[in-house]
Protein backbone atom coordinates (compact mmCIF):
# COMPACT_ATOMS: atom_id res chain seq x y z
CA LEU A 1 125.70 72.23 153.67
CA SER A 2 125.77 75.56 152.14
CA HIS A 3 122.46 76.04 153.02
CA PHE A 4 119.10 74.68 154.33
CA HIS A 5 117.14 74.40 150.87
CA VAL A 6 116.15 70.72 150.45
CA ASP A 7 118.44 70.01 147.76
CA HIS A 8 120.91 70.48 149.61
CA PHE A 9 120.37 68.38 152.74
CA ALA A 10 117.87 65.73 151.43
CA ASP A 11 120.62 63.11 151.25
CA LEU A 12 121.77 64.08 155.30
CA ILE A 13 118.86 62.38 156.92
CA PRO A 14 119.48 58.92 154.85
CA LEU A 15 123.01 59.05 155.43
CA LEU A 16 122.09 60.11 159.30
CA TRP A 17 120.02 56.67 159.00
CA THR A 18 122.00 54.50 157.82
CA HIS A 19 124.83 55.23 160.09
CA TRP A 20 122.30 54.76 163.16
CA LEU A 21 121.41 51.36 161.91
CA PHE A 22 125.16 50.26 161.53
CA ALA A 23 125.48 51.65 165.01
CA LEU A 24 123.28 49.30 166.58
CA LYS A 25 125.93 46.10 165.97
CA SER A 26 128.94 48.27 166.92
CA PRO A 27 129.76 50.99 168.75
CA GLN A 28 129.05 54.39 166.39
CA PRO A 29 131.51 57.38 165.81
CA LEU A 30 130.72 60.38 166.57
CA VAL A 31 128.87 62.37 163.22
CA ASN A 32 130.42 65.87 162.86
CA VAL A 33 128.32 68.31 160.59
CA TYR A 34 129.02 71.43 159.20
CA GLY A 35 126.87 74.35 157.76
CA PRO A 36 126.44 78.07 157.94
CA ALA A 37 125.35 79.95 160.92
CA GLY A 38 121.32 78.53 161.83
CA LEU A 39 122.67 75.05 161.69
CA ARG A 40 122.00 74.29 165.31
CA ASP A 41 118.34 75.52 165.55
CA TRP A 42 117.73 73.90 161.61
CA PHE A 43 118.76 70.78 162.92
CA LYS A 44 116.68 70.97 166.08
CA GLN A 45 114.04 71.21 163.75
CA LEU A 46 114.79 68.20 161.62
CA ARG A 47 115.13 66.28 165.48
CA ASN A 48 111.38 67.36 165.97
CA VAL A 49 110.29 65.78 162.83
CA HIS A 50 112.21 62.74 162.42
CA LEU A 51 111.45 60.89 165.67
CA GLU A 52 113.55 59.60 168.18
CA TRP A 53 116.11 57.88 166.27
CA VAL A 54 118.05 61.24 165.33
CA LYS A 55 118.19 62.00 169.28
CA ASP A 56 119.88 58.70 169.75
CA LEU A 57 123.11 60.00 167.46
CA ASP A 58 125.88 61.70 168.91
CA ILE A 59 126.47 64.14 166.35
CA THR A 60 128.15 67.47 166.71
CA LEU A 61 126.89 70.21 164.92
CA HIS A 62 129.79 73.38 163.63
CA GLU A 63 128.49 76.44 162.42
CA LEU A 64 131.08 78.03 160.29
CA GLU A 65 131.32 81.88 160.50
CA GLN A 66 133.27 83.70 157.77
CA GLY A 67 136.55 83.26 157.62
CA LYS A 68 139.10 79.96 157.91
CA LYS A 69 139.14 77.06 159.84
CA GLU A 70 141.04 73.85 161.06
CA VAL A 71 139.12 70.54 160.33
CA ASP A 72 141.22 67.75 160.97
CA ASN A 73 144.07 67.89 158.19
CA TYR A 74 141.82 70.16 155.77
CA LEU A 75 141.98 74.06 155.72
CA VAL A 76 138.49 75.07 155.74
CA GLU A 77 137.79 78.60 154.36
CA THR A 78 134.25 79.92 153.92
CA LEU A 79 132.39 83.38 152.91
CA PRO A 80 128.78 84.40 152.27
CA THR A 81 126.63 83.75 149.15
CA ILE A 82 123.35 85.54 148.34
CA HIS A 83 120.87 83.06 147.79
CA ILE A 84 119.17 82.90 151.26
CA GLU A 85 120.01 84.34 154.86
CA ASN A 86 123.41 82.74 156.06
CA SER A 87 124.18 81.02 152.75
CA ILE A 88 127.48 79.98 152.45
CA CYS A 89 130.54 79.15 150.01
CA TYR A 90 133.24 76.91 150.40
CA ARG A 91 137.02 76.21 149.93
CA ILE A 92 138.73 73.10 151.05
CA THR A 93 142.71 72.55 151.35
CA ASP A 94 144.43 69.46 151.98
CA GLN A 95 147.87 69.21 154.15
CA HIS A 96 149.30 68.77 150.43
CA GLY A 97 147.80 71.98 149.12
CA LYS A 98 145.60 70.47 146.84
CA SER A 99 142.00 72.42 146.65
CA LEU A 100 138.80 72.48 145.97
CA PHE A 101 135.97 75.11 145.63
CA TYR A 102 132.10 74.70 146.04
CA SER A 103 129.36 77.27 145.21
CA GLY A 104 126.36 76.48 146.95
CA ASP A 105 123.58 78.49 145.22
CA SER A 106 124.28 82.37 144.56
CA THR A 107 123.61 85.24 142.44
CA TRP A 108 127.11 86.86 140.63
CA ASN A 109 129.49 87.89 143.46
CA ASP A 110 132.95 88.54 144.36
CA ASN A 111 133.09 85.83 146.88
CA LEU A 112 132.63 83.39 144.22
CA ALA A 113 136.08 84.43 142.39
CA ILE A 114 138.04 85.33 145.79
CA LEU A 115 137.35 82.08 147.00
CA ALA A 116 138.01 79.92 144.27
CA ARG A 117 141.20 81.59 143.35
CA SER A 118 143.88 79.15 142.01
CA CYS A 119 141.59 76.28 142.76
CA ASP A 120 142.47 72.46 141.70
CA LEU A 121 138.73 71.91 141.40
CA ALA A 122 136.06 74.38 141.10
CA ILE A 123 132.17 72.68 141.88
CA ILE A 124 129.81 75.55 140.75
CA GLU A 125 126.65 75.80 140.21
CA ALA A 126 124.81 76.79 137.00
CA SER A 127 120.97 75.81 137.38
CA VAL A 128 119.45 77.99 134.99
CA LEU A 129 119.80 79.76 131.14
CA PRO A 130 119.73 83.67 130.93
CA GLU A 131 115.91 83.84 129.57
CA ASP A 132 114.93 81.90 132.81
CA GLN A 133 117.67 83.51 135.54
CA SER A 134 116.58 84.42 139.07
CA GLU A 135 117.63 85.69 142.15
CA GLY A 136 120.09 82.89 143.40
CA HIS A 137 121.66 81.00 140.66
CA LEU A 138 123.88 81.12 138.10
CA THR A 139 124.25 80.31 134.50
CA PRO A 140 126.84 77.96 132.77
CA GLN A 141 128.23 81.37 131.31
CA GLN A 142 128.66 83.18 134.84
CA ALA A 143 130.51 79.62 136.37
CA ALA A 144 132.43 80.00 133.80
CA GLN A 145 133.10 83.67 134.67
CA VAL A 146 134.15 82.61 137.75
CA ALA A 147 136.18 80.19 137.02
CA ALA A 148 138.09 82.49 134.55
CA ILE A 149 138.58 85.31 137.22
CA ALA A 150 139.83 82.82 139.90
CA GLU A 151 141.71 80.79 137.32
CA VAL A 152 140.64 77.45 138.51
CA LYS A 153 142.46 74.41 136.93
CA THR A 154 139.03 72.35 136.12
CA LEU A 155 135.35 73.57 136.49
CA VAL A 156 132.41 71.12 137.08
CA LEU A 157 129.11 72.58 136.12
CA THR A 158 126.43 71.24 138.80
CA HIS A 159 122.86 72.03 140.07
CA LEU A 160 121.93 72.14 136.31
CA TYR A 161 117.77 72.28 135.99
CA PRO A 162 116.83 69.85 133.23
CA GLN A 163 116.43 72.88 131.12
CA VAL A 164 119.71 73.53 130.92
CA TRP A 165 121.42 70.11 129.46
CA PRO A 166 120.04 70.18 126.09
CA ALA A 167 121.43 73.97 125.44
CA GLY A 168 124.84 72.11 126.58
CA PRO A 169 126.53 73.55 129.61
CA SER A 170 129.61 72.62 128.88
CA LYS A 171 129.81 74.18 124.98
CA ILE A 172 128.07 77.14 126.76
CA ALA A 173 130.87 77.13 129.32
CA ALA A 174 133.80 77.43 126.80
CA ALA A 175 133.27 80.18 125.26
CA TYR A 176 133.89 81.70 128.77
CA PHE A 177 136.46 79.03 130.26
CA GLY A 178 139.73 77.93 128.77
CA GLY A 179 140.48 75.18 131.11
CA LYS A 180 138.90 71.22 132.22
CA ILE A 181 134.61 71.44 131.99
CA ILE A 182 133.26 68.48 133.72
CA GLU A 183 129.70 68.31 133.99
CA ALA A 184 128.07 66.91 137.49
CA GLU A 185 126.69 63.18 137.20
CA ASP A 186 125.42 61.27 139.93
CA ASN A 187 128.53 59.37 141.31
CA MET A 188 131.12 60.84 139.79
CA VAL A 189 134.48 60.23 141.10
CA ILE A 190 136.99 62.97 140.33
CA ASN A 191 140.74 63.23 141.21
CA ILE A 192 142.49 66.14 141.16
């Protein structure tokens, strides 16, 4: 989790529910949930809302502080973003050196380009157009500028609000970033 806004955690509840249902037929494996500082308190509130079945799950919560952490065979790095309290962005690198960057939601700041530096794939939110810009979100132009400064190989524009689609976010981004640009879609699979 990058932060605790509903559009960034809503899928967690059905995922955990499905996990709980399958656990009724076979032993349940441990579930690990990673997120920013405050994850444990936030999850305690989530459990209070979603009744007993969540309490039955074997869940380990990992609050990620700024820095690096080994998770299985991956190096996970995080830095704060400017969105809400405790928002973070992620860089995940596998044992073969392939790397993925995820911005979460953020206003422009240097941490984005620092963590995305030379990534194979950068998933960067591009929620708004310049005329609609609000604190805590990037435009397609700004997402492309982060990708260009960081010299990433492929940029995936995500978190596109409905008013952004008609403007052609890839076309906007292409004026600022010369690498491959993809507009995120549901159920998309990308190989890096």
